[in-house]
Amino acid sequence: MYKEMQPELGGYGFETPKAVLGTSSVGKQTLAEILARDGQPVPPVLQPTGDPVAVEGIIPFERYFAPEYVDLEVEHLWKKHWQIACREEDIPNVGDRLTYDVVDLSYIIVRSAPDEIKAFHNFCPHRGRRLCDHAENLENFRCPFHAWSWKLDGSLEWVPGQEDFPSVSATHHSLTEVKVGRWGGNVFINPDPNAVPFEKALGPLPKLFADHPMEDRYTVAHFRKIVRCNWKLTQEAFMEGYHVLETHWDGMPFFGSAYTQYDNWDDGDSHVNRLATPSVVPDYWVKESVSPQESAIQFCQTMGLPLPEPGTIANYTEARAWCATQRRLALEAASGHDLSDKPNSYFLEMTKCFLFPNHHPWWGEALAWWYRFLPVGRDPGLSLMEVRVTARIPKGQTPPPPPPMLELGPDERTDECEALGVVGHILHQDMANLVEIQKGMKAAPREKAFLTLARYQESNIQHFHNVYRKALGLD
């Protein structure tokens, strides 16, 4: 069991906060109250409340930069937990394959039959060469070094000069398979043969997304950016709305971050959390200076929607109804689907779920995104943030193939990529902080080198670290 550095806390007034449920003491109103004023059914994803999150120990800054954690994560996270590898739409045809790489592990994800997806360790049992290093379509697996070949189901097909290899057999030299799970059009893998069943690992997610099936969606934009900070630090920036006050100040007239609801679910097999931030509700910090009309106008301008006529909106119920209707009409025109049965919250609330260790699916049409966060090799100071923007498959149509993934280096700005639109602007605001957080953690004196988390507004981060600590066996 790895012994973490524990700061000396004496004399710094540190007190372990008690677990709480409910809402931030700052906000003074709840998401449930905002939804109730709409007078509409509350969707499944916004109905349940989770479990209280206890503080289970100090979270030292060293988790974000000490090399020892990379080894622990390989052995206890990436070799043991279910993790998202790709979308099914990435490999639509039999023979399509791609690689899923994490740290120095590599796997091949392949469509081995029309409705079958398999995954294998990406190495040749002969001399170790990787069998796949890019997305492609072939009728089998063939080693580029010596031409050893395998069928799509991983069984050994051909060994040139096999009489010279008396120890080689189909039993021992087939490709090594890893577990595959499929949900919502997403493909997950788990290299651990004794892993908890995938259905148990998903926990409440299928019920939360019952009215928003992600298998009925396709990717319209896809990019990945290298960030100069640890993968955990990067994803934690998207696990709370507390930073909106300073980081996304220009969205405060129509994003009510102080009213965000946070919930966590953990039964030992699944580790899931969720945050939901209401829209067309001014944040607590600016609510006295923003009218319902202005809140609706700024939301519509950001989303490229028709603006309300001057003086037509008297309260926030009307503002939310107008904005939701305009968003619905635009989506119906684009997809051909009738969405009139969906409540306002489906089009307005920014609702993101999380499946440990690194998958972030968004519910609804407010921000129809999909996140994944990964380390870059063995460097604890680099990470990959991958984003997909999704849309409903047009009625009666076959979805187009996913667009090429845009690769952004650490010095390329997301707000300068025209294809990303408003997404690029929001993400650049986040990225501006992350590098400096990584540097600041290294600069902290030992006695203060630990996280100080809000007991409610940052409870999703606390939940992540509770699970992380147990998974890695940290003392």
Protein backbone atom coordinates (compact mmCIF):
# COMPACT_ATOMS: atom_id res chain seq x y z
CA MET A 1 0.00 0.00 0.00
CA TYR A 2 1.46 3.33 -1.11
CA LYS A 3 1.99 5.84 1.69
CA GLU A 4 0.94 9.30 0.55
CA MET A 5 2.60 12.46 1.71
CA GLN A 6 0.40 13.92 4.46
CA PRO A 7 0.78 17.64 5.16
CA GLU A 8 1.29 18.85 8.71
CA LEU A 9 -2.09 20.39 9.54
CA GLY A 10 -1.46 21.68 13.04
CA GLY A 11 -2.02 25.40 13.46
CA TYR A 12 -3.80 25.94 10.13
CA GLY A 13 -7.36 25.67 11.40
CA PHE A 14 -8.16 22.62 9.27
CA GLU A 15 -11.49 21.02 10.09
CA THR A 16 -12.94 18.04 8.24
CA PRO A 17 -16.28 19.22 6.80
CA LYS A 18 -19.34 17.03 7.32
CA ALA A 19 -21.07 15.48 4.34
CA VAL A 20 -24.16 17.35 3.14
CA LEU A 21 -26.97 16.98 0.64
CA GLY A 22 -29.05 19.76 -0.86
CA THR A 23 -27.80 22.93 -2.44
CA SER A 24 -25.06 25.45 -1.98
CA SER A 25 -25.61 27.87 0.88
CA VAL A 26 -24.70 30.57 -1.65
CA GLY A 27 -27.49 29.92 -4.11
CA LYS A 28 -30.51 30.31 -1.80
CA GLN A 29 -32.71 28.42 -4.28
CA THR A 30 -32.57 24.93 -5.73
CA LEU A 31 -32.69 23.48 -9.20
CA ALA A 32 -35.84 21.62 -8.13
CA GLU A 33 -37.53 24.92 -7.32
CA ILE A 34 -36.57 26.36 -10.71
CA LEU A 35 -37.95 23.29 -12.50
CA ALA A 36 -41.15 23.39 -10.44
CA ARG A 37 -41.87 26.91 -11.69
CA ASP A 38 -41.79 25.57 -15.26
CA GLY A 39 -44.87 23.49 -14.40
CA GLN A 40 -43.62 20.55 -16.49
CA PRO A 41 -42.64 16.93 -15.81
CA VAL A 42 -39.14 16.51 -14.43
CA PRO A 43 -37.06 14.17 -16.64
CA PRO A 44 -35.53 10.99 -15.15
CA VAL A 45 -31.99 12.37 -15.03
CA LEU A 46 -33.07 15.28 -12.79
CA GLN A 47 -35.42 13.38 -10.46
CA PRO A 48 -33.18 11.29 -8.17
CA THR A 49 -30.85 12.60 -5.52
CA GLY A 50 -27.63 10.86 -4.65
CA ASP A 51 -25.82 9.89 -1.48
CA PRO A 52 -23.93 12.24 0.84
CA VAL A 53 -20.21 12.38 0.14
CA ALA A 54 -17.92 12.08 3.13
CA VAL A 55 -14.43 13.51 3.31
CA GLU A 56 -12.26 10.41 3.57
CA GLY A 57 -8.83 11.95 4.02
CA ILE A 58 -6.54 14.71 2.88
CA ILE A 59 -6.02 14.93 -0.91
CA PRO A 60 -2.36 15.93 -1.34
CA PHE A 61 -1.21 17.89 -4.37
CA GLU A 62 1.38 15.21 -5.09
CA ARG A 63 -1.37 13.06 -6.65
CA TYR A 64 -1.17 15.39 -9.63
CA PHE A 65 2.56 15.37 -10.30
CA ALA A 66 4.42 12.58 -8.45
CA PRO A 67 5.57 9.87 -10.92
CA GLU A 68 4.69 7.12 -8.44
CA TYR A 69 1.01 7.66 -9.14
CA VAL A 70 1.44 6.85 -12.82
CA ASP A 71 2.54 3.30 -11.95
CA LEU A 72 -0.30 2.92 -9.44
CA GLU A 73 -2.86 4.15 -11.97
CA VAL A 74 -1.66 1.69 -14.61
CA GLU A 75 -1.96 -1.27 -12.26
CA HIS A 76 -5.13 -0.30 -10.41
CA LEU A 77 -7.12 1.92 -12.80
CA TRP A 78 -6.24 1.28 -16.43
CA LYS A 79 -5.80 -2.49 -15.99
CA LYS A 80 -8.79 -2.95 -13.69
CA HIS A 81 -11.65 -0.55 -14.47
CA TRP A 82 -14.17 -0.21 -17.27
CA GLN A 83 -13.11 2.67 -19.51
CA ILE A 84 -14.52 4.16 -22.66
CA ALA A 85 -12.58 3.25 -25.79
CA CYS A 86 -14.57 4.71 -28.71
CA ARG A 87 -18.02 5.12 -30.24
CA GLU A 88 -19.62 2.34 -32.27
CA GLU A 89 -19.94 4.78 -35.16
CA ASP A 90 -16.12 4.90 -35.31
CA ILE A 91 -16.05 1.27 -36.51
CA PRO A 92 -19.29 0.82 -38.50
CA ASN A 93 -18.16 -1.93 -40.90
CA VAL A 94 -16.91 -5.46 -40.34
CA GLY A 95 -13.11 -5.28 -40.29
CA ASP A 96 -12.97 -1.69 -39.05
CA ARG A 97 -10.51 -1.31 -36.21
CA LEU A 98 -8.72 1.37 -34.22
CA THR A 99 -6.42 1.55 -31.23
CA TYR A 100 -7.18 2.61 -27.70
CA ASP A 101 -3.97 3.67 -25.94
CA VAL A 102 -3.58 4.70 -22.32
CA VAL A 103 -0.14 5.33 -20.74
CA ASP A 104 1.91 2.49 -22.31
CA LEU A 105 -1.01 0.07 -22.69
CA SER A 106 -2.56 -0.48 -26.11
CA TYR A 107 -5.66 -2.32 -27.31
CA ILE A 108 -7.28 -3.01 -30.67
CA ILE A 109 -11.02 -2.37 -30.93
CA VAL A 110 -12.54 -4.17 -33.93
CA ARG A 111 -15.96 -4.84 -35.41
CA SER A 112 -15.57 -8.57 -35.86
CA ALA A 113 -19.14 -9.19 -37.11
CA PRO A 114 -22.10 -6.95 -38.03
CA ASP A 115 -23.28 -6.73 -34.42
CA GLU A 116 -20.14 -7.87 -32.60
CA ILE A 117 -17.25 -5.79 -31.29
CA LYS A 118 -14.14 -7.34 -29.80
CA ALA A 119 -11.01 -5.96 -28.18
CA PHE A 120 -7.50 -7.44 -27.97
CA HIS A 121 -4.16 -6.55 -26.46
CA ASN A 122 -2.31 -4.77 -29.28
CA PHE A 123 0.80 -6.91 -29.70
CA CYS A 124 2.08 -9.77 -31.83
CA PRO A 125 2.69 -13.01 -29.84
CA HIS A 126 5.70 -13.67 -32.08
CA ARG A 127 8.10 -10.75 -31.47
CA GLY A 128 5.85 -8.17 -29.87
CA ARG A 129 5.23 -5.70 -32.70
CA ARG A 130 2.00 -3.68 -32.38
CA LEU A 131 -0.52 -5.10 -34.82
CA CYS A 132 -2.46 -1.86 -35.29
CA ASP A 133 -1.25 1.72 -35.09
CA HIS A 134 -4.05 3.62 -36.86
CA ALA A 135 -7.70 3.28 -37.85
CA GLU A 136 -8.15 0.98 -40.86
CA ASN A 137 -10.32 -1.76 -42.38
CA LEU A 138 -8.88 -5.19 -43.15
CA GLU A 139 -10.29 -8.69 -43.38
CA ASN A 140 -7.88 -10.00 -40.75
CA PHE A 141 -5.00 -8.97 -38.48
CA ARG A 142 -1.60 -9.24 -40.14
CA CYS A 143 1.66 -8.37 -38.44
CA PRO A 144 3.60 -5.83 -40.54
CA PHE A 145 6.90 -7.41 -39.38
CA HIS A 146 6.65 -11.13 -40.28
CA ALA A 147 3.09 -11.50 -41.66
CA TRP A 148 1.70 -13.69 -38.90
CA SER A 149 -2.09 -13.44 -39.30
CA TRP A 150 -5.23 -13.79 -37.20
CA LYS A 151 -8.94 -13.83 -38.01
CA LEU A 152 -11.15 -11.02 -36.78
CA ASP A 153 -12.24 -13.18 -33.84
CA GLY A 154 -8.58 -13.33 -32.72
CA SER A 155 -7.93 -16.96 -33.69
CA LEU A 156 -4.58 -17.77 -35.29
CA GLU A 157 -4.89 -17.94 -39.07
CA TRP A 158 -1.39 -18.32 -40.58
CA VAL A 159 2.23 -18.52 -39.50
CA PRO A 160 4.75 -18.41 -42.38
CA GLY A 161 7.01 -21.44 -42.08
CA GLN A 162 5.05 -22.81 -39.15
CA GLU A 163 7.04 -26.07 -39.20
CA ASP A 164 9.91 -24.06 -37.71
CA PHE A 165 7.76 -23.16 -34.66
CA PRO A 166 6.89 -26.44 -32.93
CA SER A 167 5.74 -24.62 -29.78
CA VAL A 168 3.20 -22.46 -31.60
CA SER A 169 -0.43 -23.54 -31.32
CA ALA A 170 -3.79 -22.01 -32.05
CA THR A 171 -4.63 -22.24 -28.35
CA HIS A 172 -1.64 -20.34 -27.00
CA HIS A 173 -0.96 -17.95 -29.86
CA SER A 174 -4.40 -16.52 -30.52
CA LEU A 175 -4.81 -12.84 -29.71
CA THR A 176 -5.46 -12.07 -26.05
CA GLU A 177 -9.00 -10.80 -25.69
CA VAL A 178 -10.23 -8.22 -23.19
CA LYS A 179 -13.78 -7.64 -22.00
CA VAL A 180 -16.06 -5.35 -24.02
CA GLY A 181 -19.16 -3.48 -22.89
CA ARG A 182 -21.56 -1.45 -25.03
CA TRP A 183 -23.99 1.24 -23.91
CA GLY A 184 -25.48 4.28 -25.61
CA GLY A 185 -23.47 3.74 -28.79
CA ASN A 186 -20.26 3.79 -26.73
CA VAL A 187 -17.70 0.98 -26.53
CA PHE A 188 -16.00 0.24 -23.21
CA ILE A 189 -13.21 -2.20 -22.39
CA ASN A 190 -11.82 -3.78 -19.24
CA PRO A 191 -8.53 -5.74 -19.36
CA ASP A 192 -9.30 -7.47 -16.03
CA PRO A 193 -10.78 -10.95 -16.62
CA ASN A 194 -12.27 -10.79 -13.11
CA ALA A 195 -13.81 -7.36 -13.55
CA VAL A 196 -17.24 -6.52 -12.19
CA PRO A 197 -19.89 -7.06 -14.92
CA PHE A 198 -20.29 -4.03 -17.15
CA GLU A 199 -24.00 -3.68 -16.35
CA LYS A 200 -23.15 -3.30 -12.66
CA ALA A 201 -20.40 -0.78 -13.38
CA LEU A 202 -22.91 1.45 -15.24
CA GLY A 203 -25.03 1.75 -12.11
CA PRO A 204 -27.82 4.34 -12.56
CA LEU A 205 -26.64 5.69 -15.94
CA PRO A 206 -29.09 3.71 -18.15
CA LYS A 207 -32.05 5.00 -16.09
CA LEU A 208 -30.71 8.54 -16.04
CA PHE A 209 -30.42 8.53 -19.84
CA ALA A 210 -33.68 6.62 -20.49
CA ASP A 211 -35.20 9.55 -22.40
CA HIS A 212 -31.97 10.55 -24.14
CA PRO A 213 -30.60 7.43 -25.89
CA MET A 214 -27.08 8.24 -27.03
CA GLU A 215 -27.15 5.36 -29.51
CA ASP A 216 -29.57 7.53 -31.53
CA ARG A 217 -26.96 10.26 -31.87
CA TYR A 218 -23.93 10.81 -34.07
CA THR A 219 -20.75 12.87 -33.87
CA VAL A 220 -20.82 16.23 -35.67
CA ALA A 221 -17.52 17.60 -34.30
CA HIS A 222 -14.61 15.82 -32.65
CA PHE A 223 -11.39 17.19 -31.27
CA ARG A 224 -8.64 16.34 -28.83
CA LYS A 225 -6.29 18.75 -27.10
CA ILE A 226 -3.05 18.21 -25.22
CA VAL A 227 -3.09 20.11 -21.92
CA ARG A 228 -0.03 20.80 -19.78
CA CYS A 229 -1.46 19.39 -16.57
CA ASN A 230 -2.45 16.08 -15.02
CA TRP A 231 -5.47 14.24 -16.43
CA LYS A 232 -7.25 14.29 -13.07
CA LEU A 233 -6.78 18.03 -12.71
CA THR A 234 -8.11 18.62 -16.23
CA GLN A 235 -11.28 16.63 -15.73
CA GLU A 236 -11.95 18.08 -12.27
CA ALA A 237 -12.31 21.51 -13.89
CA PHE A 238 -15.50 20.10 -15.45
CA MET A 239 -16.88 18.53 -12.28
CA GLU A 240 -18.09 21.73 -10.63
CA GLY A 241 -19.75 25.03 -11.52
CA TYR A 242 -18.11 26.96 -8.72
CA HIS A 243 -15.52 28.43 -11.12
CA VAL A 244 -18.12 30.13 -13.34
CA LEU A 245 -18.05 33.30 -11.19
CA GLU A 246 -14.49 34.07 -12.23
CA THR A 247 -13.74 31.92 -15.26
CA HIS A 248 -16.98 32.11 -17.28
CA TRP A 249 -18.17 35.51 -16.05
CA ASP A 250 -19.67 36.37 -19.45
CA GLY A 251 -22.16 33.49 -19.11
CA MET A 252 -23.49 34.53 -15.70
CA PRO A 253 -26.52 36.47 -17.03
CA PHE A 254 -28.03 33.19 -18.28
CA PHE A 255 -26.20 30.34 -16.47
CA GLY A 256 -27.18 29.88 -12.82
CA SER A 257 -24.02 28.18 -11.60
CA ALA A 258 -24.76 28.89 -7.92
CA TYR A 259 -27.92 26.79 -8.28
CA THR A 260 -26.13 23.74 -9.70
CA GLN A 261 -27.29 20.44 -8.24
CA TYR A 262 -24.63 17.81 -7.50
CA ASP A 263 -25.36 14.14 -6.84
CA ASN A 264 -23.22 11.07 -6.35
CA TRP A 265 -24.06 7.37 -6.45
CA ASP A 266 -21.74 4.63 -5.28
CA ASP A 267 -22.66 1.04 -4.46
CA GLY A 268 -19.12 -0.35 -4.55
CA ASP A 269 -19.44 -1.62 -8.13
CA SER A 270 -20.51 1.60 -9.87
CA HIS A 271 -19.16 5.08 -9.22
CA VAL A 272 -21.32 7.73 -10.86
CA ASN A 273 -21.96 11.40 -10.25
CA ARG A 274 -23.92 14.17 -11.93
CA LEU A 275 -24.14 17.95 -12.00
CA ALA A 276 -26.98 20.00 -13.46
CA THR A 277 -26.82 23.77 -13.95
CA PRO A 278 -29.99 25.69 -14.90
CA SER A 279 -30.06 28.02 -17.89
CA VAL A 280 -31.96 31.25 -18.53
CA VAL A 281 -31.60 31.94 -14.81
CA PRO A 282 -29.06 34.63 -13.90
CA ASP A 283 -26.38 33.55 -11.49
CA TYR A 284 -26.79 34.53 -7.88
CA TRP A 285 -24.01 37.09 -8.17
CA VAL A 286 -25.70 39.11 -10.94
CA LYS A 287 -29.39 38.34 -10.43
CA GLU A 288 -30.24 41.88 -9.27
CA SER A 289 -28.83 43.47 -12.43
CA VAL A 290 -30.18 41.13 -15.15
CA SER A 291 -33.83 41.15 -16.24
CA PRO A 292 -35.64 38.07 -17.58
CA GLN A 293 -35.71 39.70 -21.03
CA GLU A 294 -31.94 40.29 -20.99
CA SER A 295 -31.23 36.77 -19.75
CA ALA A 296 -33.25 35.31 -22.63
CA ILE A 297 -31.58 37.60 -25.17
CA GLN A 298 -28.06 36.64 -24.09
CA PHE A 299 -28.91 32.93 -24.12
CA CYS A 300 -30.37 33.16 -27.62
CA GLN A 301 -27.44 35.20 -28.92
CA THR A 302 -24.99 32.60 -27.59
CA MET A 303 -26.95 29.71 -29.10
CA GLY A 304 -27.70 31.44 -32.41
CA LEU A 305 -31.47 31.51 -31.82
CA PRO A 306 -34.13 34.14 -32.69
CA LEU A 307 -34.37 36.90 -30.11
CA PRO A 308 -37.58 37.78 -28.27
CA GLU A 309 -39.30 41.03 -29.20
CA PRO A 310 -38.60 43.94 -26.82
CA GLY A 311 -40.84 43.99 -23.78
CA THR A 312 -42.42 40.58 -24.42
CA ILE A 313 -40.90 38.66 -21.49
CA ALA A 314 -42.02 39.58 -17.99
CA ASN A 315 -40.59 36.79 -15.83
CA TYR A 316 -38.19 33.86 -15.89
CA THR A 317 -40.90 31.29 -16.54
CA GLU A 318 -41.65 33.10 -19.80
CA ALA A 319 -37.94 33.54 -20.54
CA ARG A 320 -37.22 29.83 -20.13
CA ALA A 321 -40.25 28.86 -22.18
CA TRP A 322 -39.22 31.17 -25.05
CA CYS A 323 -35.64 29.93 -25.14
CA ALA A 324 -36.59 26.27 -24.88
CA THR A 325 -39.13 26.66 -27.69
CA GLN A 326 -36.62 28.34 -30.01
CA ARG A 327 -34.05 25.65 -29.28
CA ARG A 328 -36.64 22.93 -29.90
CA LEU A 329 -37.77 24.43 -33.21
CA ALA A 330 -34.17 24.67 -34.44
CA LEU A 331 -33.45 21.06 -33.52
CA GLU A 332 -36.69 19.82 -35.08
CA ALA A 333 -35.83 21.61 -38.32
CA ALA A 334 -32.37 20.05 -38.37
CA SER A 335 -33.36 16.50 -37.41
CA GLY A 336 -36.92 16.03 -38.61
CA HIS A 337 -37.91 14.67 -35.20
CA ASP A 338 -40.91 15.88 -33.21
CA LEU A 339 -39.53 16.97 -29.83
CA SER A 340 -42.70 18.61 -28.53
CA ASP A 341 -42.98 16.05 -25.73
CA LYS A 342 -39.69 17.20 -24.19
CA PRO A 343 -39.78 19.60 -21.21
CA ASN A 344 -37.90 22.90 -21.14
CA SER A 345 -35.13 21.31 -19.08
CA TYR A 346 -34.22 19.02 -21.98
CA PHE A 347 -33.17 22.07 -24.01
CA LEU A 348 -31.86 24.33 -21.25
CA GLU A 349 -30.20 22.57 -18.31
CA MET A 350 -26.50 21.81 -18.62
CA THR A 351 -26.52 18.25 -17.29
CA LYS A 352 -23.33 16.19 -17.20
CA CYS A 353 -22.84 12.74 -15.73
CA PHE A 354 -19.59 11.00 -14.86
CA LEU A 355 -18.57 7.35 -14.84
CA PHE A 356 -15.35 6.62 -12.98
CA PRO A 357 -12.57 6.95 -13.95
CA ASN A 358 -12.82 9.34 -16.93
CA HIS A 359 -16.04 9.31 -18.98
CA HIS A 360 -18.36 12.36 -18.99
CA PRO A 361 -21.57 11.97 -21.04
CA TRP A 362 -23.89 14.98 -21.26
CA TRP A 363 -27.68 14.60 -21.21
CA GLY A 364 -30.12 16.66 -23.26
CA GLU A 365 -29.62 19.30 -25.93
CA ALA A 366 -28.31 22.22 -23.88
CA LEU A 367 -24.73 21.02 -24.30
CA ALA A 368 -24.82 17.79 -26.31
CA TRP A 369 -21.22 16.87 -25.61
CA TRP A 370 -19.14 13.84 -24.65
CA TYR A 371 -15.83 14.10 -22.78
CA ARG A 372 -12.92 11.76 -22.17
CA PHE A 373 -9.72 12.57 -20.26
CA LEU A 374 -6.50 10.55 -20.55
CA PRO A 375 -2.87 10.79 -19.50
CA VAL A 376 -0.23 11.33 -22.18
CA GLY A 377 2.27 8.51 -21.89
CA ARG A 378 3.91 8.43 -18.47
CA ASP A 379 4.20 12.18 -18.06
CA PRO A 380 2.05 13.19 -15.05
CA GLY A 381 2.17 16.78 -16.27
CA LEU A 382 0.37 16.17 -19.59
CA SER A 383 -3.16 15.10 -20.43
CA LEU A 384 -5.56 14.72 -23.33
CA MET A 385 -9.01 16.25 -23.28
CA GLU A 386 -11.23 14.73 -25.96
CA VAL A 387 -14.58 16.30 -26.88
CA ARG A 388 -17.34 15.14 -29.18
CA VAL A 389 -20.30 17.30 -30.12
CA THR A 390 -23.29 15.08 -30.90
CA ALA A 391 -26.66 15.49 -32.60
CA ARG A 392 -29.82 13.44 -33.07
CA ILE A 393 -29.63 11.20 -36.16
CA PRO A 394 -31.96 12.83 -38.73
CA LYS A 395 -35.26 11.00 -39.06
CA GLY A 396 -35.20 8.35 -41.76
CA GLN A 397 -31.56 8.96 -42.62
CA THR A 398 -28.30 7.10 -42.19
CA PRO A 399 -25.92 9.18 -40.10
CA PRO A 400 -22.83 10.44 -41.90
CA PRO A 401 -19.47 9.03 -40.82
CA PRO A 402 -17.75 10.86 -37.95
CA PRO A 403 -15.65 13.81 -39.07
CA PRO A 404 -11.87 13.58 -38.77
CA MET A 405 -10.68 14.29 -35.25
CA LEU A 406 -9.04 17.68 -34.89
CA GLU A 407 -5.75 17.41 -32.99
CA LEU A 408 -4.71 20.47 -30.99
CA GLY A 409 -1.30 20.88 -29.42
CA PRO A 410 -0.70 22.41 -25.99
CA ASP A 411 -0.15 25.91 -27.42
CA GLU A 412 -3.11 25.92 -29.85
CA ARG A 413 -6.18 27.82 -28.65
CA THR A 414 -9.62 26.25 -28.85
CA ASP A 415 -11.23 29.67 -29.30
CA GLU A 416 -9.31 30.14 -32.57
CA CYS A 417 -10.86 27.00 -34.12
CA GLU A 418 -13.87 28.21 -36.10
CA ALA A 419 -15.34 24.70 -36.29
CA LEU A 420 -15.75 24.60 -32.50
CA GLY A 421 -17.91 27.72 -32.26
CA VAL A 422 -19.02 28.66 -28.75
CA VAL A 423 -17.52 25.39 -27.46
CA GLY A 424 -14.05 26.68 -28.28
CA HIS A 425 -14.63 29.92 -26.39
CA ILE A 426 -15.84 28.19 -23.23
CA LEU A 427 -13.05 25.62 -23.24
CA HIS A 428 -10.35 28.24 -23.77
CA GLN A 429 -11.54 30.01 -20.65
CA ASP A 430 -11.01 26.74 -18.75
CA MET A 431 -7.66 25.94 -20.33
CA ALA A 432 -6.22 29.31 -19.31
CA ASN A 433 -6.30 28.19 -15.67
CA LEU A 434 -5.16 24.59 -15.85
CA VAL A 435 -1.46 25.05 -16.60
CA GLU A 436 -1.14 27.55 -13.78
CA ILE A 437 -2.90 25.21 -11.34
CA GLN A 438 -0.36 22.49 -12.11
CA LYS A 439 2.49 24.94 -11.53
CA GLY A 440 0.93 26.30 -8.37
CA MET A 441 0.54 22.87 -6.82
CA LYS A 442 4.26 22.27 -7.18
CA ALA A 443 4.99 25.67 -5.64
CA ALA A 444 2.91 25.09 -2.50
CA PRO A 445 4.67 24.64 0.87
CA ARG A 446 4.32 21.16 2.29
CA GLU A 447 2.04 22.16 5.14
CA LYS A 448 -0.53 23.58 2.69
CA ALA A 449 -0.05 21.20 -0.25
CA PHE A 450 -3.53 19.71 -0.28
CA LEU A 451 -6.96 20.42 -1.77
CA THR A 452 -9.51 22.47 0.15
CA LEU A 453 -12.86 21.41 -1.31
CA ALA A 454 -16.32 22.90 -0.84
CA ARG A 455 -18.42 20.29 0.91
CA TYR A 456 -21.28 20.61 -1.62
CA GLN A 457 -20.23 22.54 -4.72
CA GLU A 458 -17.09 20.40 -5.13
CA SER A 459 -18.57 17.15 -3.79
CA ASN A 460 -18.20 15.45 -7.18
CA ILE A 461 -14.44 15.98 -6.98
CA GLN A 462 -14.42 14.65 -3.43
CA HIS A 463 -16.35 11.57 -4.57
CA PHE A 464 -13.85 10.96 -7.37
CA HIS A 465 -10.94 11.04 -4.95
CA ASN A 466 -12.70 8.78 -2.44
CA VAL A 467 -13.03 6.16 -5.18
CA TYR A 468 -9.51 6.86 -6.52
CA ARG A 469 -7.93 6.41 -3.09
CA LYS A 470 -9.61 3.04 -2.57
CA ALA A 471 -8.87 1.86 -6.11
CA LEU A 472 -5.16 2.64 -5.80
CA GLY A 473 -4.91 1.23 -2.28
CA LEU A 474 -3.61 4.50 -0.84
CA ASP A 475 -2.94 4.49 2.88
